[in-house]
Amino acid sequence: MARTSNIFARVEPGIKEQAEEVLDQLGIPMSNAIGMFLRQVVLQRGIPFEMKLPASAPIAMGSLSKEQFDSEINKGLSDIKAGKVHTADFIEEEMKSDFGV
């Protein structure tokens, strides 16, 4: 067996639990998954997935003309009329399930 070295990392408990569930379903121990990640870092000579900022930033209200502002408000009203809305409780539950918040 090859020599090994220990790594100690602090991870949010919810993220760790979610990752363990996925890895258990794949039949991969956490230590093997971390080793796979580190091998990819070496092979790729960087993080093995894309990391970038979102393409669009939130719109600053003060930077809009009256026409642009009215257009954005009308888009929101159209979404409401079309039923494209969620309650704050729904969003909170989604955040908890997606991010372990």
PDB file of N, CA and C in Angstrom:
ATOM      1  N   MET A   1       0.849  -1.183   0.000  1.00  0.00           N
ATOM      2  CA  MET A   1       0.000   0.000   0.000  1.00  0.00           C
ATOM      3  C   MET A   1       0.893   1.244   0.000  1.00  0.00           C
ATOM      4  N   ALA A   2       0.498   2.253  -0.765  1.00  0.00           N
ATOM      5  CA  ALA A   2       1.257   3.499  -0.845  1.00  0.00           C
ATOM      6  C   ALA A   2       1.176   4.248   0.471  1.00  0.00           C
ATOM      7  N   ARG A   3       2.226   4.986   0.761  1.00  0.00           N
ATOM      8  CA  ARG A   3       2.206   5.825   1.961  1.00  0.00           C
ATOM      9  C   ARG A   3       1.124   6.887   1.810  1.00  0.00           C
ATOM     10  N   THR A   4       0.563   7.297   2.920  1.00  0.00           N
ATOM     11  CA  THR A   4      -0.475   8.324   2.889  1.00  0.00           C
ATOM     12  C   THR A   4      -0.104   9.447   3.830  1.00  0.00           C
ATOM     13  N   SER A   5      -0.792  10.566   3.668  1.00  0.00           N
ATOM     14  CA  SER A   5      -0.604  11.733   4.514  1.00  0.00           C
ATOM     15  C   SER A   5      -1.985  12.199   4.954  1.00  0.00           C
ATOM     16  N   ASN A   6      -2.090  12.737   6.129  1.00  0.00           N
ATOM     17  CA  ASN A   6      -3.375  13.198   6.646  1.00  0.00           C
ATOM     18  C   ASN A   6      -3.651  14.636   6.227  1.00  0.00           C
ATOM     19  N   ILE A   7      -4.918  14.911   6.002  1.00  0.00           N
ATOM     20  CA  ILE A   7      -5.395  16.263   5.729  1.00  0.00           C
ATOM     21  C   ILE A   7      -6.522  16.530   6.727  1.00  0.00           C
ATOM     22  N   PHE A   8      -6.490  17.682   7.358  1.00  0.00           N
ATOM     23  CA  PHE A   8      -7.554  18.083   8.266  1.00  0.00           C
ATOM     24  C   PHE A   8      -8.221  19.324   7.684  1.00  0.00           C
ATOM     25  N   ALA A   9      -9.535  19.267   7.494  1.00  0.00           N
ATOM     26  CA  ALA A   9     -10.255  20.391   6.900  1.00  0.00           C
ATOM     27  C   ALA A   9     -11.533  20.651   7.689  1.00  0.00           C
ATOM     28  N   ARG A  10     -11.867  21.911   7.815  1.00  0.00           N
ATOM     29  CA  ARG A  10     -13.129  22.296   8.452  1.00  0.00           C
ATOM     30  C   ARG A  10     -14.165  22.505   7.350  1.00  0.00           C
ATOM     31  N   VAL A  11     -15.296  21.833   7.524  1.00  0.00           N
ATOM     32  CA  VAL A  11     -16.372  21.891   6.536  1.00  0.00           C
ATOM     33  C   VAL A  11     -17.682  22.051   7.289  1.00  0.00           C
ATOM     34  N   GLU A  12     -18.602  22.810   6.700  1.00  0.00           N
ATOM     35  CA  GLU A  12     -19.920  22.964   7.316  1.00  0.00           C
ATOM     36  C   GLU A  12     -20.570  21.587   7.455  1.00  0.00           C
ATOM     37  N   PRO A  13     -21.141  21.275   8.628  1.00  0.00           N
ATOM     38  CA  PRO A  13     -21.716  19.945   8.853  1.00  0.00           C
ATOM     39  C   PRO A  13     -22.766  19.547   7.809  1.00  0.00           C
ATOM     40  N   GLY A  14     -23.611  20.488   7.408  1.00  0.00           N
ATOM     41  CA  GLY A  14     -24.656  20.168   6.428  1.00  0.00           C
ATOM     42  C   GLY A  14     -24.075  19.772   5.079  1.00  0.00           C
ATOM     43  N   ILE A  15     -23.041  20.473   4.644  1.00  0.00           N
ATOM     44  CA  ILE A  15     -22.395  20.158   3.371  1.00  0.00           C
ATOM     45  C   ILE A  15     -21.728  18.790   3.455  1.00  0.00           C
ATOM     46  N   LYS A  16     -21.069  18.532   4.569  1.00  0.00           N
ATOM     47  CA  LYS A  16     -20.403  17.229   4.759  1.00  0.00           C
ATOM     48  C   LYS A  16     -21.430  16.098   4.692  1.00  0.00           C
ATOM     49  N   GLU A  17     -22.544  16.257   5.384  1.00  0.00           N
ATOM     50  CA  GLU A  17     -23.575  15.223   5.397  1.00  0.00           C
ATOM     51  C   GLU A  17     -24.153  15.000   4.005  1.00  0.00           C
ATOM     52  N   GLN A  18     -24.422  16.086   3.284  1.00  0.00           N
ATOM     53  CA  GLN A  18     -24.972  15.957   1.930  1.00  0.00           C
ATOM     54  C   GLN A  18     -23.971  15.259   1.007  1.00  0.00           C
ATOM     55  N   ALA A  19     -22.697  15.624   1.126  1.00  0.00           N
ATOM     56  CA  ALA A  19     -21.664  14.996   0.301  1.00  0.00           C
ATOM     57  C   ALA A  19     -21.541  13.517   0.639  1.00  0.00           C
ATOM     58  N   GLU A  20     -21.594  13.169   1.927  1.00  0.00           N
ATOM     59  CA  GLU A  20     -21.507  11.770   2.335  1.00  0.00           C
ATOM     60  C   GLU A  20     -22.650  10.948   1.756  1.00  0.00           C
ATOM     61  N   GLU A  21     -23.860  11.534   1.730  1.00  0.00           N
ATOM     62  CA  GLU A  21     -25.016  10.830   1.165  1.00  0.00           C
ATOM     63  C   GLU A  21     -24.783  10.509  -0.302  1.00  0.00           C
ATOM     64  N   VAL A  22     -24.301  11.497  -1.055  1.00  0.00           N
ATOM     65  CA  VAL A  22     -24.041  11.291  -2.487  1.00  0.00           C
ATOM     66  C   VAL A  22     -22.928  10.267  -2.677  1.00  0.00           C
ATOM     67  N   LEU A  23     -21.839  10.449  -1.949  1.00  0.00           N
ATOM     68  CA  LEU A  23     -20.702   9.539  -2.097  1.00  0.00           C
ATOM     69  C   LEU A  23     -21.061   8.118  -1.682  1.00  0.00           C
ATOM     70  N   ASP A  24     -21.890   7.950  -0.642  1.00  0.00           N
ATOM     71  CA  ASP A  24     -22.344   6.615  -0.239  1.00  0.00           C
ATOM     72  C   ASP A  24     -23.105   5.939  -1.373  1.00  0.00           C
ATOM     73  N   GLN A  25     -23.955   6.721  -2.055  1.00  0.00           N
ATOM     74  CA  GLN A  25     -24.714   6.164  -3.173  1.00  0.00           C
ATOM     75  C   GLN A  25     -23.790   5.750  -4.323  1.00  0.00           C
ATOM     76  N   LEU A  26     -22.678   6.450  -4.460  1.00  0.00           N
ATOM     77  CA  LEU A  26     -21.699   6.125  -5.493  1.00  0.00           C
ATOM     78  C   LEU A  26     -20.727   5.042  -5.042  1.00  0.00           C
ATOM     79  N   GLY A  27     -20.745   4.719  -3.760  1.00  0.00           N
ATOM     80  CA  GLY A  27     -19.831   3.715  -3.226  1.00  0.00           C
ATOM     81  C   GLY A  27     -18.399   4.216  -3.115  1.00  0.00           C
ATOM     82  N   ILE A  28     -18.242   5.516  -2.898  1.00  0.00           N
ATOM     83  CA  ILE A  28     -16.911   6.122  -2.802  1.00  0.00           C
ATOM     84  C   ILE A  28     -16.720   6.695  -1.404  1.00  0.00           C
ATOM     85  N   PRO A  29     -15.709   6.208  -0.674  1.00  0.00           N
ATOM     86  CA  PRO A  29     -15.436   6.808   0.634  1.00  0.00           C
ATOM     87  C   PRO A  29     -14.987   8.268   0.485  1.00  0.00           C
ATOM     88  N   MET A  30     -15.282   9.083   1.493  1.00  0.00           N
ATOM     89  CA  MET A  30     -14.923  10.502   1.464  1.00  0.00           C
ATOM     90  C   MET A  30     -13.431  10.684   1.201  1.00  0.00           C
ATOM     91  N   SER A  31     -12.591   9.893   1.842  1.00  0.00           N
ATOM     92  CA  SER A  31     -11.141  10.050   1.657  1.00  0.00           C
ATOM     93  C   SER A  31     -10.742   9.789   0.208  1.00  0.00           C
ATOM     94  N   ASN A  32     -11.390   8.818  -0.452  1.00  0.00           N
ATOM     95  CA  ASN A  32     -11.097   8.562  -1.865  1.00  0.00           C
ATOM     96  C   ASN A  32     -11.543   9.736  -2.738  1.00  0.00           C
ATOM     97  N   ALA A  33     -12.706  10.315  -2.421  1.00  0.00           N
ATOM     98  CA  ALA A  33     -13.209  11.445  -3.198  1.00  0.00           C
ATOM     99  C   ALA A  33     -12.265  12.639  -3.074  1.00  0.00           C
ATOM    100  N   ILE A  34     -11.767  12.878  -1.882  1.00  0.00           N
ATOM    101  CA  ILE A  34     -10.823  13.987  -1.679  1.00  0.00           C
ATOM    102  C   ILE A  34      -9.535  13.703  -2.446  1.00  0.00           C
ATOM    103  N   GLY A  35      -9.063  12.449  -2.411  1.00  0.00           N
ATOM    104  CA  GLY A  35      -7.879  12.073  -3.182  1.00  0.00           C
ATOM    105  C   GLY A  35      -8.085  12.268  -4.676  1.00  0.00           C
ATOM    106  N   MET A  36      -9.291  11.926  -5.166  1.00  0.00           N
ATOM    107  CA  MET A  36      -9.600  12.112  -6.586  1.00  0.00           C
ATOM    108  C   MET A  36      -9.561  13.600  -6.945  1.00  0.00           C
ATOM    109  N   PHE A  37     -10.127  14.417  -6.071  1.00  0.00           N
ATOM    110  CA  PHE A  37     -10.116  15.867  -6.305  1.00  0.00           C
ATOM    111  C   PHE A  37      -8.674  16.376  -6.392  1.00  0.00           C
ATOM    112  N   LEU A  38      -7.836  15.961  -5.447  1.00  0.00           N
ATOM    113  CA  LEU A  38      -6.449  16.436  -5.422  1.00  0.00           C
ATOM    114  C   LEU A  38      -5.665  15.942  -6.644  1.00  0.00           C
ATOM    115  N   ARG A  39      -5.921  14.711  -7.091  1.00  0.00           N
ATOM    116  CA  ARG A  39      -5.267  14.226  -8.315  1.00  0.00           C
ATOM    117  C   ARG A  39      -5.662  15.090  -9.513  1.00  0.00           C
ATOM    118  N   GLN A  40      -6.928  15.488  -9.575  1.00  0.00           N
ATOM    119  CA  GLN A  40      -7.386  16.344 -10.680  1.00  0.00           C
ATOM    120  C   GLN A  40      -6.754  17.728 -10.597  1.00  0.00           C
ATOM    121  N   VAL A  41      -6.562  18.246  -9.391  1.00  0.00           N
ATOM    122  CA  VAL A  41      -5.871  19.531  -9.229  1.00  0.00           C
ATOM    123  C   VAL A  41      -4.484  19.430  -9.842  1.00  0.00           C
ATOM    124  N   VAL A  42      -3.782  18.330  -9.564  1.00  0.00           N
ATOM    125  CA  VAL A  42      -2.432  18.141 -10.108  1.00  0.00           C
ATOM    126  C   VAL A  42      -2.486  18.004 -11.633  1.00  0.00           C
ATOM    127  N   LEU A  43      -3.374  17.143 -12.136  1.00  0.00           N
ATOM    128  CA  LEU A  43      -3.465  16.914 -13.584  1.00  0.00           C
ATOM    129  C   LEU A  43      -3.870  18.172 -14.348  1.00  0.00           C
ATOM    130  N   GLN A  44      -4.825  18.914 -13.796  1.00  0.00           N
ATOM    131  CA  GLN A  44      -5.348  20.108 -14.468  1.00  0.00           C
ATOM    132  C   GLN A  44      -4.489  21.339 -14.187  1.00  0.00           C
ATOM    133  N   ARG A  45      -3.613  21.207 -13.193  1.00  0.00           N
ATOM    134  CA  ARG A  45      -2.782  22.323 -12.752  1.00  0.00           C
ATOM    135  C   ARG A  45      -3.655  23.493 -12.295  1.00  0.00           C
ATOM    136  N   GLY A  46      -4.706  23.169 -11.591  1.00  0.00           N
ATOM    137  CA  GLY A  46      -5.639  24.164 -11.070  1.00  0.00           C
ATOM    138  C   GLY A  46      -6.884  23.475 -10.541  1.00  0.00           C
ATOM    139  N   ILE A  47      -7.859  24.258 -10.169  1.00  0.00           N
ATOM    140  CA  ILE A  47      -9.141  23.719  -9.692  1.00  0.00           C
ATOM    141  C   ILE A  47      -9.810  23.011 -10.874  1.00  0.00           C
ATOM    142  N   PRO A  48     -10.290  21.776 -10.692  1.00  0.00           N
ATOM    143  CA  PRO A  48     -10.812  20.998 -11.822  1.00  0.00           C
ATOM    144  C   PRO A  48     -12.247  21.319 -12.238  1.00  0.00           C
ATOM    145  N   PHE A  49     -12.705  22.492 -11.938  1.00  0.00           N
ATOM    146  CA  PHE A  49     -14.006  22.942 -12.409  1.00  0.00           C
ATOM    147  C   PHE A  49     -13.950  24.441 -12.576  1.00  0.00           C
ATOM    148  N   GLU A  50     -14.878  24.961 -13.354  1.00  0.00           N
ATOM    149  CA  GLU A  50     -14.880  26.387 -13.666  1.00  0.00           C
ATOM    150  C   GLU A  50     -15.314  27.202 -12.453  1.00  0.00           C
ATOM    151  N   MET A  51     -14.560  28.243 -12.182  1.00  0.00           N
ATOM    152  CA  MET A  51     -14.910  29.163 -11.100  1.00  0.00           C
ATOM    153  C   MET A  51     -14.925  30.562 -11.688  1.00  0.00           C
ATOM    154  N   LYS A  52     -16.096  31.185 -11.685  1.00  0.00           N
ATOM    155  CA  LYS A  52     -16.179  32.536 -12.217  1.00  0.00           C
ATOM    156  C   LYS A  52     -17.353  33.264 -11.590  1.00  0.00           C
ATOM    157  N   LEU A  53     -17.300  34.545 -11.698  1.00  0.00           N
ATOM    158  CA  LEU A  53     -18.393  35.374 -11.209  1.00  0.00           C
ATOM    159  C   LEU A  53     -19.558  35.281 -12.177  1.00  0.00           C
ATOM    160  N   PRO A  54     -20.780  35.494 -11.717  1.00  0.00           N
ATOM    161  CA  PRO A  54     -21.933  35.482 -12.621  1.00  0.00           C
ATOM    162  C   PRO A  54     -21.763  36.519 -13.734  1.00  0.00           C
ATOM    163  N   ALA A  55     -22.323  36.203 -14.891  1.00  0.00           N
ATOM    164  CA  ALA A  55     -22.195  37.096 -16.050  1.00  0.00           C
ATOM    165  C   ALA A  55     -22.898  38.435 -15.812  1.00  0.00           C
ATOM    166  N   SER A  56     -23.986  38.412 -15.081  1.00  0.00           N
ATOM    167  CA  SER A  56     -24.718  39.658 -14.879  1.00  0.00           C
ATOM    168  C   SER A  56     -24.773  40.011 -13.396  1.00  0.00           C
ATOM    169  N   ALA A  57     -24.695  41.271 -13.136  1.00  0.00           N
ATOM    170  CA  ALA A  57     -24.798  41.778 -11.773  1.00  0.00           C
ATOM    171  C   ALA A  57     -26.208  42.319 -11.569  1.00  0.00           C
ATOM    172  N   PRO A  58     -26.662  42.393 -10.329  1.00  0.00           N
ATOM    173  CA  PRO A  58     -27.975  42.999 -10.100  1.00  0.00           C
ATOM    174  C   PRO A  58     -28.014  44.429 -10.650  1.00  0.00           C
ATOM    175  N   ILE A  59     -29.175  44.827 -11.094  1.00  0.00           N
ATOM    176  CA  ILE A  59     -29.335  46.163 -11.665  1.00  0.00           C
ATOM    177  C   ILE A  59     -29.441  47.184 -10.539  1.00  0.00           C
ATOM    178  N   ALA A  60     -28.634  48.230 -10.613  1.00  0.00           N
ATOM    179  CA  ALA A  60     -28.712  49.320  -9.632  1.00  0.00           C
ATOM    180  C   ALA A  60     -29.830  50.261 -10.062  1.00  0.00           C
ATOM    181  N   MET A  61     -30.814  50.421  -9.205  1.00  0.00           N
ATOM    182  CA  MET A  61     -31.973  51.241  -9.549  1.00  0.00           C
ATOM    183  C   MET A  61     -31.579  52.658  -9.964  1.00  0.00           C
ATOM    184  N   GLY A  62     -30.606  53.236  -9.279  1.00  0.00           N
ATOM    185  CA  GLY A  62     -30.203  54.604  -9.579  1.00  0.00           C
ATOM    186  C   GLY A  62     -29.560  54.782 -10.949  1.00  0.00           C
ATOM    187  N   SER A  63     -29.127  53.669 -11.562  1.00  0.00           N
ATOM    188  CA  SER A  63     -28.475  53.774 -12.867  1.00  0.00           C
ATOM    189  C   SER A  63     -29.469  53.686 -14.025  1.00  0.00           C
ATOM    190  N   LEU A  64     -30.745  53.459 -13.719  1.00  0.00           N
ATOM    191  CA  LEU A  64     -31.752  53.304 -14.768  1.00  0.00           C
ATOM    192  C   LEU A  64     -32.430  54.623 -15.112  1.00  0.00           C
ATOM    193  N   SER A  65     -32.754  54.756 -16.384  1.00  0.00           N
ATOM    194  CA  SER A  65     -33.592  55.889 -16.794  1.00  0.00           C
ATOM    195  C   SER A  65     -35.024  55.582 -16.365  1.00  0.00           C
ATOM    196  N   LYS A  66     -35.899  56.575 -16.448  1.00  0.00           N
ATOM    197  CA  LYS A  66     -37.304  56.355 -16.085  1.00  0.00           C
ATOM    198  C   LYS A  66     -37.903  55.252 -16.943  1.00  0.00           C
ATOM    199  N   GLU A  67     -37.587  55.231 -18.229  1.00  0.00           N
ATOM    200  CA  GLU A  67     -38.129  54.222 -19.148  1.00  0.00           C
ATOM    201  C   GLU A  67     -37.620  52.824 -18.777  1.00  0.00           C
ATOM    202  N   GLN A  68     -36.321  52.715 -18.463  1.00  0.00           N
ATOM    203  CA  GLN A  68     -35.765  51.421 -18.074  1.00  0.00           C
ATOM    204  C   GLN A  68     -36.371  50.941 -16.755  1.00  0.00           C
ATOM    205  N   PHE A  69     -36.527  51.869 -15.812  1.00  0.00           N
ATOM    206  CA  PHE A  69     -37.126  51.530 -14.530  1.00  0.00           C
ATOM    207  C   PHE A  69     -38.551  51.023 -14.725  1.00  0.00           C
ATOM    208  N   ASP A  70     -39.343  51.762 -15.510  1.00  0.00           N
ATOM    209  CA  ASP A  70     -40.723  51.350 -15.777  1.00  0.00           C
ATOM    210  C   ASP A  70     -40.767  49.973 -16.450  1.00  0.00           C
ATOM    211  N   SER A  71     -39.828  49.720 -17.355  1.00  0.00           N
ATOM    212  CA  SER A  71     -39.763  48.428 -18.039  1.00  0.00           C
ATOM    213  C   SER A  71     -39.496  47.299 -17.042  1.00  0.00           C
ATOM    214  N   GLU A  72     -38.563  47.514 -16.110  1.00  0.00           N
ATOM    215  CA  GLU A  72     -38.258  46.497 -15.109  1.00  0.00           C
ATOM    216  C   GLU A  72     -39.454  46.252 -14.191  1.00  0.00           C
ATOM    217  N   ILE A  73     -40.135  47.318 -13.800  1.00  0.00           N
ATOM    218  CA  ILE A  73     -41.332  47.172 -12.957  1.00  0.00           C
ATOM    219  C   ILE A  73     -42.400  46.384 -13.701  1.00  0.00           C
ATOM    220  N   ASN A  74     -42.592  46.689 -14.975  1.00  0.00           N
ATOM    221  CA  ASN A  74     -43.594  45.974 -15.776  1.00  0.00           C
ATOM    222  C   ASN A  74     -43.243  44.490 -15.934  1.00  0.00           C
ATOM    223  N   LYS A  75     -41.958  44.172 -16.053  1.00  0.00           N
ATOM    224  CA  LYS A  75     -41.546  42.767 -16.112  1.00  0.00           C
ATOM    225  C   LYS A  75     -41.959  42.055 -14.826  1.00  0.00           C
ATOM    226  N   GLY A  76     -41.718  42.704 -13.691  1.00  0.00           N
ATOM    227  CA  GLY A  76     -42.090  42.122 -12.403  1.00  0.00           C
ATOM    228  C   GLY A  76     -43.588  41.931 -12.275  1.00  0.00           C
ATOM    229  N   LEU A  77     -44.349  42.934 -12.698  1.00  0.00           N
ATOM    230  CA  LEU A  77     -45.810  42.831 -12.632  1.00  0.00           C
ATOM    231  C   LEU A  77     -46.318  41.716 -13.533  1.00  0.00           C
ATOM    232  N   SER A  78     -45.706  41.563 -14.706  1.00  0.00           N
ATOM    233  CA  SER A  78     -46.096  40.484 -15.627  1.00  0.00           C
ATOM    234  C   SER A  78     -45.827  39.120 -15.003  1.00  0.00           C
ATOM    235  N   ASP A  79     -44.695  38.986 -14.326  1.00  0.00           N
ATOM    236  CA  ASP A  79     -44.376  37.723 -13.655  1.00  0.00           C
ATOM    237  C   ASP A  79     -45.410  37.415 -12.577  1.00  0.00           C
ATOM    238  N   ILE A  80     -45.808  38.439 -11.828  1.00  0.00           N
ATOM    239  CA  ILE A  80     -46.811  38.243 -10.773  1.00  0.00           C
ATOM    240  C   ILE A  80     -48.130  37.790 -11.391  1.00  0.00           C
ATOM    241  N   LYS A  81     -48.558  38.468 -12.456  1.00  0.00           N
ATOM    242  CA  LYS A  81     -49.817  38.105 -13.118  1.00  0.00           C
ATOM    243  C   LYS A  81     -49.756  36.699 -13.691  1.00  0.00           C
ATOM    244  N   ALA A  82     -48.565  36.266 -14.148  1.00  0.00           N
ATOM    245  CA  ALA A  82     -48.398  34.930 -14.733  1.00  0.00           C
ATOM    246  C   ALA A  82     -48.221  33.848 -13.664  1.00  0.00           C
ATOM    247  N   GLY A  83     -48.224  34.261 -12.388  1.00  0.00           N
ATOM    248  CA  GLY A  83     -48.090  33.296 -11.306  1.00  0.00           C
ATOM    249  C   GLY A  83     -46.653  32.851 -11.054  1.00  0.00           C
ATOM    250  N   LYS A  84     -45.692  33.578 -11.574  1.00  0.00           N
ATOM    251  CA  LYS A  84     -44.274  33.241 -11.367  1.00  0.00           C
ATOM    252  C   LYS A  84     -43.793  33.870 -10.060  1.00  0.00           C
ATOM    253  N   VAL A  85     -44.378  33.405  -8.961  1.00  0.00           N
ATOM    254  CA  VAL A  85     -44.040  33.952  -7.645  1.00  0.00           C
ATOM    255  C   VAL A  85     -43.832  32.823  -6.647  1.00  0.00           C
ATOM    256  N   HIS A  86     -43.074  33.096  -5.595  1.00  0.00           N
ATOM    257  CA  HIS A  86     -42.856  32.148  -4.510  1.00  0.00           C
ATOM    258  C   HIS A  86     -42.943  32.921  -3.200  1.00  0.00           C
ATOM    259  N   THR A  87     -43.423  32.240  -2.172  1.00  0.00           N
ATOM    260  CA  THR A  87     -43.475  32.868  -0.854  1.00  0.00           C
ATOM    261  C   THR A  87     -42.073  32.906  -0.250  1.00  0.00           C
ATOM    262  N   ALA A  88     -41.893  33.759   0.734  1.00  0.00           N
ATOM    263  CA  ALA A  88     -40.616  33.839   1.443  1.00  0.00           C
ATOM    264  C   ALA A  88     -40.319  32.506   2.134  1.00  0.00           C
ATOM    265  N   ASP A  89     -41.357  31.840   2.657  1.00  0.00           N
ATOM    266  CA  ASP A  89     -41.167  30.537   3.305  1.00  0.00           C
ATOM    267  C   ASP A  89     -40.640  29.507   2.310  1.00  0.00           C
ATOM    268  N   PHE A  90     -41.165  29.527   1.081  1.00  0.00           N
ATOM    269  CA  PHE A  90     -40.701  28.599   0.044  1.00  0.00           C
ATOM    270  C   PHE A  90     -39.227  28.839  -0.267  1.00  0.00           C
ATOM    271  N   ILE A  91     -38.846  30.104  -0.437  1.00  0.00           N
ATOM    272  CA  ILE A  91     -37.454  30.442  -0.744  1.00  0.00           C
ATOM    273  C   ILE A  91     -36.543  30.008   0.401  1.00  0.00           C
ATOM    274  N   GLU A  92     -36.982  30.231   1.624  1.00  0.00           N
ATOM    275  CA  GLU A  92     -36.185  29.840   2.787  1.00  0.00           C
ATOM    276  C   GLU A  92     -35.966  28.332   2.817  1.00  0.00           C
ATOM    277  N   GLU A  93     -37.006  27.553   2.534  1.00  0.00           N
ATOM    278  CA  GLU A  93     -36.879  26.098   2.511  1.00  0.00           C
ATOM    279  C   GLU A  93     -35.945  25.640   1.391  1.00  0.00           C
ATOM    280  N   GLU A  94     -36.034  26.300   0.235  1.00  0.00           N
ATOM    281  CA  GLU A  94     -35.133  25.974  -0.877  1.00  0.00           C
ATOM    282  C   GLU A  94     -33.681  26.231  -0.491  1.00  0.00           C
ATOM    283  N   MET A  95     -33.430  27.342   0.176  1.00  0.00           N
ATOM    284  CA  MET A  95     -32.077  27.663   0.620  1.00  0.00           C
ATOM    285  C   MET A  95     -31.559  26.604   1.589  1.00  0.00           C
ATOM    286  N   LYS A  96     -32.423  26.172   2.494  1.00  0.00           N
ATOM    287  CA  LYS A  96     -32.014  25.158   3.471  1.00  0.00           C
ATOM    288  C   LYS A  96     -31.666  23.850   2.765  1.00  0.00           C
ATOM    289  N   SER A  97     -32.495  23.436   1.810  1.00  0.00           N
ATOM    290  CA  SER A  97     -32.234  22.161   1.144  1.00  0.00           C
ATOM    291  C   SER A  97     -31.055  22.245   0.182  1.00  0.00           C
ATOM    292  N   ASP A  98     -30.862  23.382  -0.478  1.00  0.00           N
ATOM    293  CA  ASP A  98     -29.775  23.512  -1.443  1.00  0.00           C
ATOM    294  C   ASP A  98     -28.425  23.776  -0.792  1.00  0.00           C
ATOM    295  N   PHE A  99     -28.429  24.549   0.283  1.00  0.00           N
ATOM    296  CA  PHE A  99     -27.161  25.009   0.848  1.00  0.00           C
ATOM    297  C   PHE A  99     -26.956  24.611   2.305  1.00  0.00           C
ATOM    298  N   GLY A 100     -27.879  23.864   2.857  1.00  0.00           N
ATOM    299  CA  GLY A 100     -27.735  23.451   4.237  1.00  0.00           C
ATOM    300  C   GLY A 100     -27.759  24.613   5.210  1.00  0.00           C
ATOM    301  N   VAL A 101     -28.465  25.680   4.814  1.00  0.00           N
ATOM    302  CA  VAL A 101     -28.527  26.887   5.645  1.00  0.00           C
ATOM    303  C   VAL A 101     -29.538  26.703   6.745  1.00  0.00           C
TER     304      VAL A 101
END
